[in-house]
Amino acid sequence: MAKKKKQDKKLKDVAKIRRQIEQMKERGESEWCEARQSPIHGSGVYARKFIPAETRILEYVGEKINKEESERRAWAQMEHAEETGNAAVYIFTLSKKWDIDGNVPWNLARLVNHSCDPNCQTWIENKRIFYYALRDIEPGEELTFDYGFDIECYEDHPCRCGAENCVGYIVIRDQWPELRKRLKEKAKKAEKEARKKERKAAKEAAKEVGKKAT
């Protein structure tokens, strides 16, 4: 009898998980957009039809996890990305205690690429994450939003969005002035090193000419 109760509970738990997955699949779909190959990176999300400004376009769905598990998975996904070249981390901050791991195939929103001039933004409503249109979006236009990464790891996140105002790296807009400053200093240092190498090469060449002359 106890064994049957245990089996019944297990079946109910499995059925519950299946229902949750089906509900999540439905929530992850959108009449407004679809996945296609992107010139920015891998697959992207594109407007199926005209999307008016301020439209709620789609939801970012996945497994709700605590911060400790989030950090563990983030490192694991980063290591996997370095080995395979695939996109890195699909973990989205939900609150101070919880995150959403969107690394599931039915989460279309995980494919939305970054842009320095995005046409979408995310909002958290009733403990759920949604993408909204910042402006009117034309049919066939790729949906993008600002990933807002911290400047300390900027070299790990080059940007290929192609926007006129692209700063070259995926960095939160508030830190763009500091990024430009660092890039300018880096360019000066590289130029200085290049001139140093040129002078050294010129001296060595002059020595060789002197040796031949004698």
N, C-alpha and C. Protein backbone atom coordinates (compact mmCIF):
# COMPACT_ATOMS: atom_id res chain seq x y z
N MET A 1 0.83 -1.21 0.00
CA MET A 1 0.00 0.00 0.00
C MET A 1 0.87 1.27 0.00
N ALA A 2 1.90 1.26 0.87
CA ALA A 2 2.81 2.40 0.95
C ALA A 2 3.55 2.59 -0.37
N LYS A 3 3.91 1.46 -0.99
CA LYS A 3 4.62 1.52 -2.27
C LYS A 3 3.74 2.13 -3.35
N LYS A 4 2.44 1.76 -3.36
CA LYS A 4 1.51 2.30 -4.35
C LYS A 4 1.31 3.80 -4.16
N LYS A 5 1.23 4.25 -2.90
CA LYS A 5 1.08 5.67 -2.62
C LYS A 5 2.30 6.45 -3.11
N LYS A 6 3.46 5.84 -2.93
CA LYS A 6 4.71 6.47 -3.37
C LYS A 6 4.73 6.60 -4.89
N GLN A 7 4.28 5.52 -5.58
CA GLN A 7 4.24 5.54 -7.04
C GLN A 7 3.23 6.57 -7.54
N ASP A 8 2.06 6.63 -6.86
CA ASP A 8 1.03 7.60 -7.25
C ASP A 8 1.55 9.03 -7.10
N LYS A 9 2.27 9.28 -6.01
CA LYS A 9 2.82 10.61 -5.78
C LYS A 9 3.84 10.98 -6.86
N LYS A 10 4.66 9.99 -7.22
CA LYS A 10 5.67 10.21 -8.25
C LYS A 10 5.01 10.54 -9.59
N LEU A 11 3.94 9.81 -9.93
CA LEU A 11 3.21 10.06 -11.17
C LEU A 11 2.57 11.45 -11.18
N LYS A 12 2.03 11.84 -10.02
CA LYS A 12 1.42 13.17 -9.91
C LYS A 12 2.46 14.26 -10.07
N ASP A 13 3.64 14.02 -9.49
CA ASP A 13 4.73 15.00 -9.60
C ASP A 13 5.19 15.15 -11.05
N VAL A 14 5.29 14.01 -11.74
CA VAL A 14 5.70 14.02 -13.15
C VAL A 14 4.66 14.75 -13.99
N ALA A 15 3.37 14.47 -13.72
CA ALA A 15 2.29 15.12 -14.46
C ALA A 15 2.29 16.63 -14.22
N LYS A 16 2.59 17.01 -12.97
CA LYS A 16 2.64 18.43 -12.62
C LYS A 16 3.76 19.14 -13.38
N ILE A 17 4.92 18.49 -13.45
CA ILE A 17 6.07 19.06 -14.16
C ILE A 17 5.75 19.19 -15.64
N ARG A 18 5.09 18.19 -16.21
CA ARG A 18 4.72 18.24 -17.63
C ARG A 18 3.77 19.40 -17.90
N ARG A 19 2.80 19.60 -17.01
CA ARG A 19 1.86 20.71 -17.16
C ARG A 19 2.59 22.05 -17.10
N GLN A 20 3.54 22.16 -16.17
CA GLN A 20 4.30 23.39 -16.03
C GLN A 20 5.13 23.69 -17.27
N ILE A 21 5.72 22.63 -17.85
CA ILE A 21 6.52 22.79 -19.06
C ILE A 21 5.63 23.24 -20.22
N GLU A 22 4.46 22.63 -20.35
CA GLU A 22 3.53 22.99 -21.42
C GLU A 22 3.08 24.44 -21.27
N GLN A 23 2.80 24.85 -20.03
CA GLN A 23 2.40 26.23 -19.78
C GLN A 23 3.54 27.19 -20.14
N MET A 24 4.75 26.79 -19.80
CA MET A 24 5.91 27.63 -20.08
C MET A 24 6.14 27.74 -21.59
N LYS A 25 5.92 26.64 -22.30
CA LYS A 25 6.07 26.66 -23.76
C LYS A 25 5.10 27.66 -24.37
N GLU A 26 3.86 27.65 -23.88
CA GLU A 26 2.86 28.58 -24.39
C GLU A 26 3.24 30.03 -24.08
N ARG A 27 3.75 30.25 -22.87
CA ARG A 27 4.16 31.60 -22.46
C ARG A 27 5.36 32.09 -23.25
N GLY A 28 6.21 31.15 -23.69
CA GLY A 28 7.41 31.52 -24.43
C GLY A 28 7.17 31.85 -25.89
N GLU A 29 5.95 31.59 -26.38
CA GLU A 29 5.62 31.88 -27.77
C GLU A 29 5.12 33.32 -27.91
N SER A 30 5.15 33.83 -29.13
CA SER A 30 4.66 35.19 -29.37
C SER A 30 4.17 35.32 -30.81
N GLU A 31 3.05 35.98 -30.96
CA GLU A 31 2.52 36.24 -32.30
C GLU A 31 3.31 37.32 -33.03
N TRP A 32 4.13 38.07 -32.27
CA TRP A 32 4.81 39.22 -32.82
C TRP A 32 6.15 38.89 -33.47
N CYS A 33 6.76 37.77 -33.12
CA CYS A 33 8.14 37.56 -33.58
C CYS A 33 8.47 36.09 -33.79
N GLU A 34 9.65 35.86 -34.40
CA GLU A 34 10.12 34.52 -34.69
C GLU A 34 11.64 34.52 -34.76
N ALA A 35 12.25 33.34 -34.69
CA ALA A 35 13.71 33.21 -34.72
C ALA A 35 14.21 33.06 -36.15
N ARG A 36 15.33 33.73 -36.44
CA ARG A 36 16.03 33.62 -37.72
C ARG A 36 17.53 33.79 -37.48
N GLN A 37 18.33 33.49 -38.49
CA GLN A 37 19.77 33.73 -38.39
C GLN A 37 20.02 35.23 -38.31
N SER A 38 21.00 35.61 -37.48
CA SER A 38 21.27 37.02 -37.25
C SER A 38 22.70 37.38 -37.65
N PRO A 39 22.89 38.55 -38.27
CA PRO A 39 24.25 39.01 -38.57
C PRO A 39 24.99 39.46 -37.32
N ILE A 40 24.26 39.70 -36.24
CA ILE A 40 24.89 40.12 -34.98
C ILE A 40 25.55 38.92 -34.30
N HIS A 41 24.77 37.86 -34.09
CA HIS A 41 25.31 36.66 -33.45
C HIS A 41 24.30 35.51 -33.58
N GLY A 42 24.74 34.40 -34.15
CA GLY A 42 23.93 33.19 -34.20
C GLY A 42 22.51 33.42 -34.67
N SER A 43 21.56 32.95 -33.87
CA SER A 43 20.14 33.16 -34.15
C SER A 43 19.66 34.40 -33.42
N GLY A 44 18.76 35.14 -34.04
CA GLY A 44 18.17 36.32 -33.43
C GLY A 44 16.66 36.22 -33.48
N VAL A 45 15.99 37.24 -32.97
CA VAL A 45 14.52 37.29 -32.98
C VAL A 45 14.09 38.46 -33.85
N TYR A 46 13.15 38.19 -34.77
CA TYR A 46 12.72 39.19 -35.75
C TYR A 46 11.22 39.42 -35.69
N ALA A 47 10.82 40.64 -36.01
CA ALA A 47 9.40 41.00 -36.02
C ALA A 47 8.69 40.32 -37.19
N ARG A 48 7.61 39.62 -36.87
CA ARG A 48 6.80 39.00 -37.92
C ARG A 48 5.94 40.04 -38.64
N LYS A 49 5.58 41.08 -37.88
CA LYS A 49 4.70 42.13 -38.40
C LYS A 49 5.04 43.43 -37.68
N PHE A 50 4.38 44.50 -38.09
CA PHE A 50 4.62 45.79 -37.45
C PHE A 50 4.29 45.73 -35.96
N ILE A 51 5.23 46.21 -35.13
CA ILE A 51 5.04 46.21 -33.68
C ILE A 51 5.00 47.66 -33.19
N PRO A 52 3.87 48.14 -32.71
CA PRO A 52 3.79 49.51 -32.22
C PRO A 52 4.63 49.71 -30.96
N ALA A 53 5.10 50.92 -30.74
CA ALA A 53 5.86 51.25 -29.54
C ALA A 53 5.06 50.91 -28.29
N GLU A 54 5.76 50.45 -27.27
CA GLU A 54 5.20 50.09 -25.96
C GLU A 54 4.42 48.77 -25.96
N THR A 55 4.48 48.03 -27.07
CA THR A 55 3.82 46.71 -27.12
C THR A 55 4.58 45.70 -26.28
N ARG A 56 3.85 44.90 -25.49
CA ARG A 56 4.49 43.76 -24.81
C ARG A 56 4.66 42.67 -25.86
N ILE A 57 5.92 42.33 -26.15
CA ILE A 57 6.20 41.45 -27.28
C ILE A 57 6.28 39.98 -26.88
N LEU A 58 7.10 39.68 -25.91
CA LEU A 58 7.25 38.28 -25.48
C LEU A 58 7.81 38.21 -24.06
N GLU A 59 7.71 37.01 -23.49
CA GLU A 59 8.16 36.78 -22.12
C GLU A 59 9.45 35.98 -22.09
N TYR A 60 10.32 36.30 -21.15
CA TYR A 60 11.54 35.53 -20.91
C TYR A 60 11.20 34.44 -19.90
N VAL A 61 11.15 33.18 -20.38
CA VAL A 61 10.72 32.08 -19.52
C VAL A 61 11.88 31.14 -19.22
N GLY A 62 11.73 30.36 -18.15
CA GLY A 62 12.76 29.41 -17.77
C GLY A 62 12.56 28.95 -16.35
N GLU A 63 13.60 28.37 -15.80
CA GLU A 63 13.52 27.84 -14.43
C GLU A 63 13.91 28.90 -13.41
N LYS A 64 13.09 29.05 -12.38
CA LYS A 64 13.38 30.00 -11.31
C LYS A 64 14.38 29.36 -10.34
N ILE A 65 15.52 30.03 -10.13
CA ILE A 65 16.58 29.48 -9.28
C ILE A 65 17.09 30.55 -8.32
N ASN A 66 17.67 30.11 -7.20
CA ASN A 66 18.22 31.08 -6.24
C ASN A 66 19.60 31.55 -6.70
N LYS A 67 20.15 32.54 -6.01
CA LYS A 67 21.39 33.16 -6.44
C LYS A 67 22.58 32.19 -6.40
N GLU A 68 22.61 31.31 -5.40
CA GLU A 68 23.71 30.36 -5.29
C GLU A 68 23.73 29.42 -6.49
N GLU A 69 22.55 28.88 -6.83
CA GLU A 69 22.46 27.99 -7.99
C GLU A 69 22.72 28.77 -9.28
N SER A 70 22.28 30.02 -9.30
CA SER A 70 22.49 30.87 -10.47
C SER A 70 23.97 31.05 -10.75
N GLU A 71 24.75 31.33 -9.72
CA GLU A 71 26.19 31.52 -9.89
C GLU A 71 26.86 30.24 -10.36
N ARG A 72 26.44 29.10 -9.79
CA ARG A 72 27.02 27.81 -10.18
C ARG A 72 26.76 27.54 -11.66
N ARG A 73 25.52 27.76 -12.09
CA ARG A 73 25.17 27.50 -13.49
C ARG A 73 25.85 28.49 -14.43
N ALA A 74 25.98 29.73 -13.99
CA ALA A 74 26.60 30.75 -14.83
C ALA A 74 28.04 30.36 -15.16
N TRP A 75 28.79 29.92 -14.15
CA TRP A 75 30.18 29.50 -14.38
C TRP A 75 30.23 28.28 -15.29
N ALA A 76 29.30 27.34 -15.07
CA ALA A 76 29.27 26.13 -15.89
C ALA A 76 28.95 26.47 -17.35
N GLN A 77 28.00 27.38 -17.56
CA GLN A 77 27.63 27.78 -18.92
C GLN A 77 28.76 28.55 -19.60
N MET A 78 29.49 29.36 -18.82
CA MET A 78 30.62 30.10 -19.37
C MET A 78 31.71 29.14 -19.84
N GLU A 79 31.99 28.14 -19.04
CA GLU A 79 33.01 27.14 -19.41
C GLU A 79 32.59 26.39 -20.67
N HIS A 80 31.30 26.03 -20.73
CA HIS A 80 30.79 25.34 -21.91
C HIS A 80 30.89 26.22 -23.15
N ALA A 81 30.60 27.51 -22.99
CA ALA A 81 30.66 28.46 -24.11
C ALA A 81 32.08 28.59 -24.63
N GLU A 82 33.06 28.62 -23.72
CA GLU A 82 34.46 28.74 -24.13
C GLU A 82 34.91 27.52 -24.92
N GLU A 83 34.36 26.36 -24.57
CA GLU A 83 34.73 25.11 -25.25
C GLU A 83 34.05 24.98 -26.61
N THR A 84 32.80 25.42 -26.70
CA THR A 84 32.01 25.20 -27.91
C THR A 84 31.84 26.41 -28.80
N GLY A 85 32.00 27.61 -28.22
CA GLY A 85 31.79 28.83 -29.00
C GLY A 85 30.34 29.25 -29.05
N ASN A 86 29.46 28.54 -28.34
CA ASN A 86 28.05 28.89 -28.30
C ASN A 86 27.83 30.10 -27.38
N ALA A 87 26.60 30.65 -27.43
CA ALA A 87 26.27 31.76 -26.54
C ALA A 87 26.48 31.34 -25.10
N ALA A 88 26.86 32.30 -24.29
CA ALA A 88 27.32 31.97 -22.94
C ALA A 88 26.22 31.71 -21.93
N VAL A 89 25.69 32.76 -21.33
CA VAL A 89 24.82 32.60 -20.17
C VAL A 89 23.42 33.13 -20.47
N TYR A 90 22.41 32.35 -20.13
CA TYR A 90 21.02 32.74 -20.34
C TYR A 90 20.31 33.04 -19.02
N ILE A 91 21.07 33.38 -17.99
CA ILE A 91 20.49 33.66 -16.69
C ILE A 91 20.13 35.13 -16.57
N PHE A 92 18.88 35.39 -16.21
CA PHE A 92 18.34 36.74 -16.15
C PHE A 92 17.96 37.07 -14.71
N THR A 93 18.40 38.23 -14.22
CA THR A 93 18.08 38.63 -12.85
C THR A 93 16.59 38.92 -12.72
N LEU A 94 15.96 38.28 -11.72
CA LEU A 94 14.54 38.49 -11.46
C LEU A 94 14.32 39.38 -10.24
N SER A 95 15.08 39.10 -9.16
CA SER A 95 14.96 39.87 -7.92
C SER A 95 16.26 39.73 -7.13
N LYS A 96 16.28 40.24 -5.91
CA LYS A 96 17.46 40.12 -5.07
C LYS A 96 17.74 38.67 -4.68
N LYS A 97 16.71 37.84 -4.66
CA LYS A 97 16.85 36.45 -4.23
C LYS A 97 16.82 35.45 -5.39
N TRP A 98 16.16 35.82 -6.49
CA TRP A 98 15.88 34.84 -7.55
C TRP A 98 16.34 35.31 -8.92
N ASP A 99 16.67 34.32 -9.76
CA ASP A 99 16.99 34.55 -11.16
C ASP A 99 16.18 33.58 -12.01
N ILE A 100 16.17 33.83 -13.32
CA ILE A 100 15.53 32.92 -14.28
C ILE A 100 16.61 32.34 -15.18
N ASP A 101 16.73 31.02 -15.19
CA ASP A 101 17.63 30.35 -16.13
C ASP A 101 16.83 30.04 -17.39
N GLY A 102 17.06 30.84 -18.42
CA GLY A 102 16.29 30.70 -19.66
C GLY A 102 16.91 29.76 -20.67
N ASN A 103 17.82 28.89 -20.24
CA ASN A 103 18.49 27.98 -21.15
C ASN A 103 17.61 26.76 -21.46
N VAL A 104 16.45 27.05 -22.05
CA VAL A 104 15.50 26.00 -22.45
C VAL A 104 15.07 26.29 -23.89
N PRO A 105 14.83 25.27 -24.71
CA PRO A 105 14.54 25.49 -26.13
C PRO A 105 13.27 26.28 -26.42
N TRP A 106 12.32 26.28 -25.49
CA TRP A 106 11.06 26.98 -25.74
C TRP A 106 11.11 28.45 -25.30
N ASN A 107 12.27 28.90 -24.85
CA ASN A 107 12.43 30.30 -24.47
C ASN A 107 12.95 31.10 -25.65
N LEU A 108 12.06 31.56 -26.51
CA LEU A 108 12.45 32.32 -27.69
C LEU A 108 13.21 33.59 -27.31
N ALA A 109 12.85 34.19 -26.17
CA ALA A 109 13.46 35.46 -25.76
C ALA A 109 14.96 35.34 -25.49
N ARG A 110 15.45 34.13 -25.24
CA ARG A 110 16.87 33.97 -24.96
C ARG A 110 17.71 34.31 -26.19
N LEU A 111 17.09 34.36 -27.36
CA LEU A 111 17.81 34.62 -28.61
C LEU A 111 17.86 36.11 -28.97
N VAL A 112 17.21 36.95 -28.18
CA VAL A 112 17.24 38.38 -28.46
C VAL A 112 18.68 38.89 -28.25
N ASN A 113 19.25 39.47 -29.28
CA ASN A 113 20.64 39.92 -29.24
C ASN A 113 20.77 41.32 -28.64
N HIS A 114 22.01 41.65 -28.26
CA HIS A 114 22.31 42.98 -27.71
C HIS A 114 22.48 43.99 -28.84
N SER A 115 22.16 45.24 -28.53
CA SER A 115 22.49 46.35 -29.42
C SER A 115 22.79 47.58 -28.58
N CYS A 116 23.72 48.40 -29.07
CA CYS A 116 24.01 49.67 -28.41
C CYS A 116 22.90 50.69 -28.69
N ASP A 117 22.03 50.37 -29.66
CA ASP A 117 20.87 51.21 -29.97
C ASP A 117 19.64 50.30 -30.03
N PRO A 118 19.21 49.77 -28.88
CA PRO A 118 18.15 48.75 -28.84
C PRO A 118 16.77 49.29 -29.18
N ASN A 119 15.91 48.39 -29.67
CA ASN A 119 14.51 48.77 -29.93
C ASN A 119 13.56 48.14 -28.90
N CYS A 120 14.13 47.42 -27.93
CA CYS A 120 13.31 46.80 -26.88
C CYS A 120 13.93 47.05 -25.51
N GLN A 121 13.13 46.89 -24.48
CA GLN A 121 13.61 46.92 -23.11
C GLN A 121 12.84 45.87 -22.31
N THR A 122 13.38 45.49 -21.17
CA THR A 122 12.72 44.48 -20.35
C THR A 122 12.10 45.11 -19.11
N TRP A 123 10.96 44.54 -18.71
CA TRP A 123 10.29 44.96 -17.49
C TRP A 123 9.91 43.73 -16.69
N ILE A 124 9.98 43.85 -15.37
CA ILE A 124 9.55 42.76 -14.50
C ILE A 124 8.17 43.09 -13.95
N GLU A 125 7.21 42.21 -14.23
CA GLU A 125 5.84 42.42 -13.81
C GLU A 125 5.32 41.15 -13.15
N ASN A 126 4.86 41.26 -11.91
CA ASN A 126 4.32 40.11 -11.19
C ASN A 126 5.28 38.92 -11.22
N LYS A 127 6.57 39.23 -10.97
CA LYS A 127 7.62 38.22 -10.89
C LYS A 127 7.84 37.49 -12.22
N ARG A 128 7.54 38.17 -13.32
CA ARG A 128 7.78 37.64 -14.66
C ARG A 128 8.49 38.71 -15.49
N ILE A 129 9.31 38.27 -16.45
CA ILE A 129 10.12 39.19 -17.25
C ILE A 129 9.54 39.30 -18.66
N PHE A 130 9.30 40.53 -19.11
CA PHE A 130 8.72 40.76 -20.43
C PHE A 130 9.57 41.74 -21.23
N TYR A 131 9.55 41.55 -22.56
CA TYR A 131 10.17 42.48 -23.49
C TYR A 131 9.10 43.42 -24.04
N TYR A 132 9.39 44.72 -24.02
CA TYR A 132 8.50 45.73 -24.58
C TYR A 132 9.21 46.50 -25.68
N ALA A 133 8.44 46.97 -26.66
CA ALA A 133 9.00 47.76 -27.74
C ALA A 133 9.26 49.19 -27.27
N LEU A 134 10.51 49.66 -27.45
CA LEU A 134 10.86 51.04 -27.10
C LEU A 134 10.32 52.03 -28.13
N ARG A 135 10.15 51.55 -29.33
CA ARG A 135 9.67 52.38 -30.44
C ARG A 135 8.93 51.48 -31.42
N ASP A 136 8.38 52.06 -32.48
CA ASP A 136 7.77 51.26 -33.53
C ASP A 136 8.83 50.38 -34.17
N ILE A 137 8.49 49.12 -34.40
CA ILE A 137 9.42 48.16 -35.01
C ILE A 137 8.82 47.64 -36.30
N GLU A 138 9.57 47.73 -37.38
CA GLU A 138 9.06 47.35 -38.69
C GLU A 138 9.12 45.83 -38.90
N PRO A 139 8.26 45.28 -39.77
CA PRO A 139 8.31 43.85 -40.08
C PRO A 139 9.69 43.44 -40.60
N GLY A 140 10.23 42.35 -40.10
CA GLY A 140 11.54 41.88 -40.54
C GLY A 140 12.71 42.49 -39.79
N GLU A 141 12.44 43.46 -38.92
CA GLU A 141 13.50 44.10 -38.15
C GLU A 141 13.88 43.21 -36.97
N GLU A 142 15.19 43.13 -36.69
CA GLU A 142 15.63 42.31 -35.56
C GLU A 142 15.34 43.01 -34.24
N LEU A 143 14.85 42.24 -33.26
CA LEU A 143 14.61 42.76 -31.92
C LEU A 143 15.92 42.73 -31.13
N THR A 144 16.22 43.81 -30.43
CA THR A 144 17.45 43.89 -29.63
C THR A 144 17.16 44.61 -28.32
N PHE A 145 18.03 44.36 -27.33
CA PHE A 145 17.96 45.15 -26.11
C PHE A 145 19.37 45.28 -25.54
N ASP A 146 19.53 46.16 -24.57
CA ASP A 146 20.84 46.43 -23.99
C ASP A 146 21.13 45.42 -22.89
N TYR A 147 22.13 44.56 -23.09
CA TYR A 147 22.48 43.57 -22.08
C TYR A 147 23.00 44.21 -20.79
N GLY A 148 23.62 45.39 -20.92
CA GLY A 148 24.04 46.12 -19.73
C GLY A 148 25.11 45.45 -18.90
N PHE A 149 26.13 44.86 -19.54
CA PHE A 149 27.21 44.21 -18.79
C PHE A 149 28.09 45.26 -18.12
N ASP A 150 28.76 44.83 -17.04
CA ASP A 150 29.66 45.73 -16.32
C ASP A 150 30.97 45.91 -17.09
N ILE A 151 31.56 47.07 -16.95
CA ILE A 151 32.76 47.43 -17.70
C ILE A 151 33.98 46.58 -17.32
N GLU A 152 34.01 46.04 -16.12
CA GLU A 152 35.20 45.31 -15.65
C GLU A 152 35.52 44.09 -16.53
N CYS A 153 34.52 43.55 -17.22
CA CYS A 153 34.76 42.38 -18.08
C CYS A 153 34.54 42.73 -19.55
N TYR A 154 34.72 44.00 -19.93
CA TYR A 154 34.33 44.42 -21.27
C TYR A 154 35.06 43.69 -22.39
N GLU A 155 36.33 43.33 -22.17
CA GLU A 155 37.08 42.67 -23.24
C GLU A 155 36.55 41.28 -23.56
N ASP A 156 35.78 40.70 -22.64
CA ASP A 156 35.18 39.38 -22.87
C ASP A 156 33.91 39.48 -23.71
N HIS A 157 33.41 40.71 -23.93
CA HIS A 157 32.12 40.87 -24.59
C HIS A 157 32.18 41.89 -25.73
N PRO A 158 32.88 41.56 -26.83
CA PRO A 158 32.89 42.48 -27.98
C PRO A 158 31.50 42.59 -28.58
N CYS A 159 31.16 43.77 -29.07
CA CYS A 159 29.83 44.01 -29.64
C CYS A 159 29.91 44.06 -31.17
N ARG A 160 28.96 43.40 -31.83
CA ARG A 160 28.90 43.39 -33.29
C ARG A 160 27.53 43.85 -33.77
N CYS A 161 26.91 44.74 -33.00
CA CYS A 161 25.53 45.13 -33.31
C CYS A 161 25.42 45.94 -34.60
N GLY A 162 26.50 46.66 -34.96
CA GLY A 162 26.47 47.43 -36.20
C GLY A 162 25.75 48.76 -36.10
N ALA A 163 25.32 49.16 -34.90
CA ALA A 163 24.63 50.45 -34.73
C ALA A 163 25.62 51.60 -34.94
N GLU A 164 25.10 52.75 -35.39
CA GLU A 164 25.96 53.91 -35.63
C GLU A 164 26.68 54.35 -34.37
N ASN A 165 26.03 54.16 -33.22
CA ASN A 165 26.63 54.60 -31.95
C ASN A 165 27.30 53.46 -31.19
N CYS A 166 27.58 52.35 -31.89
CA CYS A 166 28.19 51.18 -31.22
C CYS A 166 29.54 51.56 -30.60
N VAL A 167 29.74 51.16 -29.35
CA VAL A 167 30.99 51.48 -28.65
C VAL A 167 32.00 50.34 -28.74
N GLY A 168 31.63 49.26 -29.43
CA GLY A 168 32.59 48.18 -29.65
C GLY A 168 32.53 47.05 -28.64
N TYR A 169 31.92 47.32 -27.50
CA TYR A 169 31.81 46.30 -26.46
C TYR A 169 30.44 46.38 -25.79
N ILE A 170 30.00 45.25 -25.21
CA ILE A 170 28.69 45.21 -24.55
C ILE A 170 28.86 45.70 -23.12
N VAL A 171 28.61 46.98 -22.94
CA VAL A 171 28.79 47.64 -21.63
C VAL A 171 27.57 48.50 -21.35
N ILE A 172 27.13 48.52 -20.11
CA ILE A 172 25.97 49.33 -19.73
C ILE A 172 26.21 50.80 -20.11
N ARG A 173 25.19 51.45 -20.62
CA ARG A 173 25.32 52.80 -21.17
C ARG A 173 25.92 53.80 -20.19
N ASP A 174 25.59 53.69 -18.92
CA ASP A 174 26.12 54.62 -17.91
C ASP A 174 27.65 54.59 -17.83
N GLN A 175 28.24 53.47 -18.28
CA GLN A 175 29.70 53.32 -18.19
C GLN A 175 30.40 53.58 -19.52
N TRP A 176 29.68 54.05 -20.52
CA TRP A 176 30.30 54.35 -21.82
C TRP A 176 31.42 55.38 -21.73
N PRO A 177 31.24 56.48 -20.97
CA PRO A 177 32.35 57.45 -20.87
C PRO A 177 33.63 56.82 -20.33
N GLU A 178 33.50 55.98 -19.31
CA GLU A 178 34.67 55.30 -18.74
C GLU A 178 35.25 54.31 -19.75
N LEU A 179 34.40 53.63 -20.51
CA LEU A 179 34.88 52.70 -21.53
C LEU A 179 35.67 53.44 -22.60
N ARG A 180 35.15 54.56 -23.07
CA ARG A 180 35.87 55.34 -24.10
C ARG A 180 37.23 55.79 -23.57
N LYS A 181 37.27 56.18 -22.29
CA LYS A 181 38.53 56.60 -21.67
C LYS A 181 39.53 55.45 -21.66
N ARG A 182 39.06 54.25 -21.27
CA ARG A 182 39.95 53.09 -21.21
C ARG A 182 40.43 52.68 -22.60
N LEU A 183 39.53 52.75 -23.59
CA LEU A 183 39.91 52.39 -24.96
C LEU A 183 40.93 53.38 -25.52
N LYS A 184 40.77 54.66 -25.18
CA LYS A 184 41.71 55.68 -25.63
C LYS A 184 43.09 55.44 -25.04
N GLU A 185 43.11 55.12 -23.73
CA GLU A 185 44.39 54.84 -23.06
C GLU A 185 45.03 53.58 -23.63
N LYS A 186 44.20 52.57 -23.93
CA LYS A 186 44.70 51.33 -24.50
C LYS A 186 45.29 51.57 -25.89
N ALA A 187 44.63 52.42 -26.68
CA ALA A 187 45.11 52.73 -28.02
C ALA A 187 46.44 53.49 -27.96
N LYS A 188 46.55 54.42 -27.01
CA LYS A 188 47.81 55.17 -26.84
C LYS A 188 48.95 54.24 -26.46
N LYS A 189 48.65 53.31 -25.55
CA LYS A 189 49.67 52.36 -25.12
C LYS A 189 50.12 51.47 -26.28
N ALA A 190 49.14 51.02 -27.08
CA ALA A 190 49.47 50.16 -28.23
C ALA A 190 50.30 50.93 -29.25
N GLU A 191 49.95 52.23 -29.46
CA GLU A 191 50.69 53.05 -30.40
C GLU A 191 52.13 53.27 -29.92
N LYS A 192 52.27 53.49 -28.62
CA LYS A 192 53.59 53.68 -28.03
C LYS A 192 54.45 52.44 -28.20
N GLU A 193 53.85 51.26 -27.96
CA GLU A 193 54.56 49.99 -28.12
C GLU A 193 54.96 49.77 -29.57
N ALA A 194 54.07 50.15 -30.49
CA ALA A 194 54.35 49.98 -31.92
C ALA A 194 55.53 50.85 -32.35
N ARG A 195 55.55 52.11 -31.87
CA ARG A 195 56.67 53.01 -32.21
C ARG A 195 57.99 52.49 -31.63
N LYS A 196 57.90 51.93 -30.42
CA LYS A 196 59.09 51.37 -29.78
C LYS A 196 59.65 50.21 -30.60
N LYS A 197 58.76 49.36 -31.09
CA LYS A 197 59.19 48.23 -31.91
C LYS A 197 59.79 48.70 -33.23
N GLU A 198 59.19 49.77 -33.80
CA GLU A 198 59.69 50.32 -35.07
C GLU A 198 61.11 50.87 -34.89
N ARG A 199 61.30 51.61 -33.76
CA ARG A 199 62.64 52.17 -33.50
C ARG A 199 63.67 51.07 -33.30
N LYS A 200 63.25 50.00 -32.59
CA LYS A 200 64.16 48.89 -32.36
C LYS A 200 64.52 48.20 -33.67
N ALA A 201 63.50 48.01 -34.52
CA ALA A 201 63.74 47.37 -35.82
C ALA A 201 64.65 48.23 -36.69
N ALA A 202 64.47 49.57 -36.62
CA ALA A 202 65.29 50.48 -37.41
C ALA A 202 66.75 50.44 -36.96
N LYS A 203 66.97 50.38 -35.64
CA LYS A 203 68.33 50.29 -35.10
C LYS A 203 69.02 49.01 -35.54
N GLU A 204 68.28 47.89 -35.46
CA GLU A 204 68.84 46.61 -35.86
C GLU A 204 69.18 46.59 -37.35
N ALA A 205 68.29 47.23 -38.14
CA ALA A 205 68.54 47.30 -39.58
C ALA A 205 69.79 48.13 -39.87
N ALA A 206 69.93 49.24 -39.11
CA ALA A 206 71.11 50.11 -39.30
C ALA A 206 72.39 49.36 -38.94
N LYS A 207 72.34 48.55 -37.90
CA LYS A 207 73.50 47.76 -37.48
C LYS A 207 73.90 46.79 -38.60
N GLU A 208 72.91 46.16 -39.20
CA GLU A 208 73.18 45.18 -40.26
C GLU A 208 73.82 45.86 -41.45
N VAL A 209 73.34 47.09 -41.76
CA VAL A 209 73.91 47.84 -42.88
C VAL A 209 75.36 48.20 -42.56
N GLY A 210 75.62 48.60 -41.29
CA GLY A 210 76.99 48.95 -40.88
C GLY A 210 77.93 47.77 -40.97
N LYS A 211 77.45 46.60 -40.59
CA LYS A 211 78.28 45.39 -40.64
C LYS A 211 78.66 45.06 -42.08
N LYS A 212 77.68 45.18 -42.98
CA LYS A 212 77.94 44.88 -44.39
C LYS A 212 78.92 45.89 -45.01
N ALA A 213 78.81 47.13 -44.53
CA ALA A 213 79.68 48.17 -45.08
C ALA A 213 81.14 47.95 -44.69
N THR A 214 81.36 47.35 -43.54
CA THR A 214 82.73 47.09 -43.08
C THR A 214 83.23 45.76 -43.62
